[in-house]
């Protein structure tokens, strides 16, 4: 039935995520650490990644938008000028980065 297929798909997904985590542990050599060291290193890595992503979007927004449009060219093009209260320049930026609605 549908529930059995859904539970099988969930079990496959769970096994796949566990397998990816095992690969992560083996490739970073975290598998040989004690449990408290694993937690510390995972928190450290997660904090560094979070800080990097935040800094990328906070301090380099033009570059991030360029990469986004490079990877997904049609995602931003459809709604870029639809209902926009400003005219965009050649780079596609509005010039109204504060989010205020222009009359």
C-alpha atoms as a PDB file:
ATOM      1  CA  UNK A   1       0.000   0.000   0.000  1.00  0.00           C
ATOM      2  CA  UNK A   2       0.935   3.641  -0.069  1.00  0.00           C
ATOM      3  CA  UNK A   3       1.913   3.726   3.612  1.00  0.00           C
ATOM      4  CA  UNK A   4       4.322   0.820   3.169  1.00  0.00           C
ATOM      5  CA  UNK A   5       5.992   2.512   0.195  1.00  0.00           C
ATOM      6  CA  UNK A   6       6.263   5.757   2.148  1.00  0.00           C
ATOM      7  CA  UNK A   7       7.805   3.971   5.118  1.00  0.00           C
ATOM      8  CA  UNK A   8      10.281   2.189   2.805  1.00  0.00           C
ATOM      9  CA  UNK A   9      11.244   5.492   1.178  1.00  0.00           C
ATOM     10  CA  UNK A  10      11.709   7.050   4.611  1.00  0.00           C
ATOM     11  CA  UNK A  11      13.921   4.144   5.708  1.00  0.00           C
ATOM     12  CA  UNK A  12      16.016   4.460   2.515  1.00  0.00           C
ATOM     13  CA  UNK A  13      16.409   8.195   3.066  1.00  0.00           C
ATOM     14  CA  UNK A  14      17.398   7.626   6.691  1.00  0.00           C
ATOM     15  CA  UNK A  15      19.999   5.019   5.697  1.00  0.00           C
ATOM     16  CA  UNK A  16      21.354   7.376   3.016  1.00  0.00           C
ATOM     17  CA  UNK A  17      21.746  10.249   5.496  1.00  0.00           C
ATOM     18  CA  UNK A  18      23.478   7.920   7.969  1.00  0.00           C
ATOM     19  CA  UNK A  19      25.802   6.757   5.183  1.00  0.00           C
ATOM     20  CA  UNK A  20      26.631  10.381   4.239  1.00  0.00           C
ATOM     21  CA  UNK A  21      27.372  11.180   7.892  1.00  0.00           C
ATOM     22  CA  UNK A  22      29.646   8.141   8.117  1.00  0.00           C
ATOM     23  CA  UNK A  23      31.508   9.321   5.007  1.00  0.00           C
ATOM     24  CA  UNK A  24      31.836  12.770   6.587  1.00  0.00           C
ATOM     25  CA  UNK A  25      33.240  11.252   9.782  1.00  0.00           C
ATOM     26  CA  UNK A  26      35.704   9.054   7.912  1.00  0.00           C
ATOM     27  CA  UNK A  27      36.886  11.769   5.525  1.00  0.00           C
ATOM     28  CA  UNK A  28      37.437  14.310   8.295  1.00  0.00           C
ATOM     29  CA  UNK A  29      38.963  11.702  10.647  1.00  0.00           C
ATOM     30  CA  UNK A  30      36.344  12.531  13.297  1.00  0.00           C
ATOM     31  CA  UNK A  31      35.518   8.828  13.560  1.00  0.00           C
ATOM     32  CA  UNK A  32      38.622   8.228  15.694  1.00  0.00           C
ATOM     33  CA  UNK A  33      37.756  10.943  18.215  1.00  0.00           C
ATOM     34  CA  UNK A  34      36.004  10.552  21.529  1.00  0.00           C
ATOM     35  CA  UNK A  35      32.312  11.547  21.677  1.00  0.00           C
ATOM     36  CA  UNK A  36      32.944  14.899  23.361  1.00  0.00           C
ATOM     37  CA  UNK A  37      35.594  15.689  20.740  1.00  0.00           C
ATOM     38  CA  UNK A  38      33.137  14.832  17.965  1.00  0.00           C
ATOM     39  CA  UNK A  39      30.578  17.235  19.428  1.00  0.00           C
ATOM     40  CA  UNK A  40      33.188  19.969  19.809  1.00  0.00           C
ATOM     41  CA  UNK A  41      34.508  19.563  16.259  1.00  0.00           C
ATOM     42  CA  UNK A  42      31.016  19.376  14.742  1.00  0.00           C
ATOM     43  CA  UNK A  43      29.961  22.539  16.600  1.00  0.00           C
ATOM     44  CA  UNK A  44      33.175  24.272  15.531  1.00  0.00           C
ATOM     45  CA  UNK A  45      32.698  23.285  11.892  1.00  0.00           C
ATOM     46  CA  UNK A  46      29.017  24.270  11.955  1.00  0.00           C
ATOM     47  CA  UNK A  47      29.850  27.627  13.529  1.00  0.00           C
ATOM     48  CA  UNK A  48      32.526  28.340  10.935  1.00  0.00           C
ATOM     49  CA  UNK A  49      30.201  27.421   8.078  1.00  0.00           C
ATOM     50  CA  UNK A  50      27.384  29.538   9.538  1.00  0.00           C
ATOM     51  CA  UNK A  51      29.696  32.502   9.999  1.00  0.00           C
ATOM     52  CA  UNK A  52      31.007  32.121   6.457  1.00  0.00           C
ATOM     53  CA  UNK A  53      27.497  31.987   4.977  1.00  0.00           C
ATOM     54  CA  UNK A  54      26.321  34.960   7.042  1.00  0.00           C
ATOM     55  CA  UNK A  55      29.365  37.012   6.101  1.00  0.00           C
ATOM     56  CA  UNK A  56      28.893  36.107   2.451  1.00  0.00           C
ATOM     57  CA  UNK A  57      25.325  37.350   2.386  1.00  0.00           C
ATOM     58  CA  UNK A  58      25.866  40.326   4.690  1.00  0.00           C
ATOM     59  CA  UNK A  59      29.082  41.777   3.311  1.00  0.00           C
ATOM     60  CA  UNK A  60      29.224  40.563  -0.272  1.00  0.00           C
ATOM     61  CA  UNK A  61      25.598  40.671  -1.489  1.00  0.00           C
ATOM     62  CA  UNK A  62      26.433  41.624  -5.075  1.00  0.00           C
ATOM     63  CA  UNK A  63      28.751  38.671  -5.453  1.00  0.00           C
ATOM     64  CA  UNK A  64      26.208  36.307  -3.875  1.00  0.00           C
ATOM     65  CA  UNK A  65      23.468  37.553  -6.184  1.00  0.00           C
ATOM     66  CA  UNK A  66      25.796  37.091  -9.151  1.00  0.00           C
ATOM     67  CA  UNK A  67      26.525  33.501  -8.138  1.00  0.00           C
ATOM     68  CA  UNK A  68      22.810  32.873  -7.557  1.00  0.00           C
ATOM     69  CA  UNK A  69      21.924  34.196 -11.031  1.00  0.00           C
ATOM     70  CA  UNK A  70      24.770  32.189 -12.534  1.00  0.00           C
ATOM     71  CA  UNK A  71      23.561  28.939 -10.951  1.00  0.00           C
ATOM     72  CA  UNK A  72      19.821  29.554 -11.408  1.00  0.00           C
ATOM     73  CA  UNK A  73      19.452  32.038 -14.288  1.00  0.00           C
ATOM     74  CA  UNK A  74      15.663  31.762 -14.642  1.00  0.00           C
ATOM     75  CA  UNK A  75      14.768  31.820 -10.927  1.00  0.00           C
ATOM     76  CA  UNK A  76      15.358  35.536 -10.417  1.00  0.00           C
ATOM     77  CA  UNK A  77      14.567  36.710 -13.946  1.00  0.00           C
ATOM     78  CA  UNK A  78      10.867  35.861 -13.803  1.00  0.00           C
ATOM     79  CA  UNK A  79       9.995  38.000 -10.779  1.00  0.00           C
ATOM     80  CA  UNK A  80      12.761  40.596 -10.986  1.00  0.00           C
ATOM     81  CA  UNK A  81      10.695  43.359 -12.595  1.00  0.00           C
ATOM     82  CA  UNK A  82       7.186  42.065 -11.909  1.00  0.00           C
ATOM     83  CA  UNK A  83       5.518  44.510  -9.550  1.00  0.00           C
ATOM     84  CA  UNK A  84       8.768  46.311  -8.838  1.00  0.00           C
ATOM     85  CA  UNK A  85       8.508  49.847  -7.540  1.00  0.00           C
ATOM     86  CA  UNK A  86      11.846  50.877  -9.002  1.00  0.00           C
ATOM     87  CA  UNK A  87      13.807  50.666 -12.207  1.00  0.00           C
ATOM     88  CA  UNK A  88      16.773  48.354 -12.079  1.00  0.00           C
ATOM     89  CA  UNK A  89      20.157  49.350 -13.422  1.00  0.00           C
ATOM     90  CA  UNK A  90      22.305  47.248 -15.712  1.00  0.00           C
ATOM     91  CA  UNK A  91      23.459  44.973 -12.887  1.00  0.00           C
ATOM     92  CA  UNK A  92      19.884  44.147 -11.931  1.00  0.00           C
ATOM     93  CA  UNK A  93      20.029  45.935  -8.578  1.00  0.00           C
ATOM     94  CA  UNK A  94      17.120  48.101  -7.563  1.00  0.00           C
ATOM     95  CA  UNK A  95      18.967  50.789  -5.667  1.00  0.00           C
ATOM     96  CA  UNK A  96      16.279  50.608  -2.977  1.00  0.00           C
ATOM     97  CA  UNK A  97      17.989  48.086  -0.716  1.00  0.00           C
ATOM     98  CA  UNK A  98      16.252  49.303   2.442  1.00  0.00           C
ATOM     99  CA  UNK A  99      13.040  47.539   1.469  1.00  0.00           C
ATOM    100  CA  UNK A 100      10.931  50.695   1.663  1.00  0.00           C
ATOM    101  CA  UNK A 101       8.084  50.929  -0.832  1.00  0.00           C
ATOM    102  CA  UNK A 102       8.592  53.701  -3.336  1.00  0.00           C
ATOM    103  CA  UNK A 103       5.537  55.665  -4.527  1.00  0.00           C
END
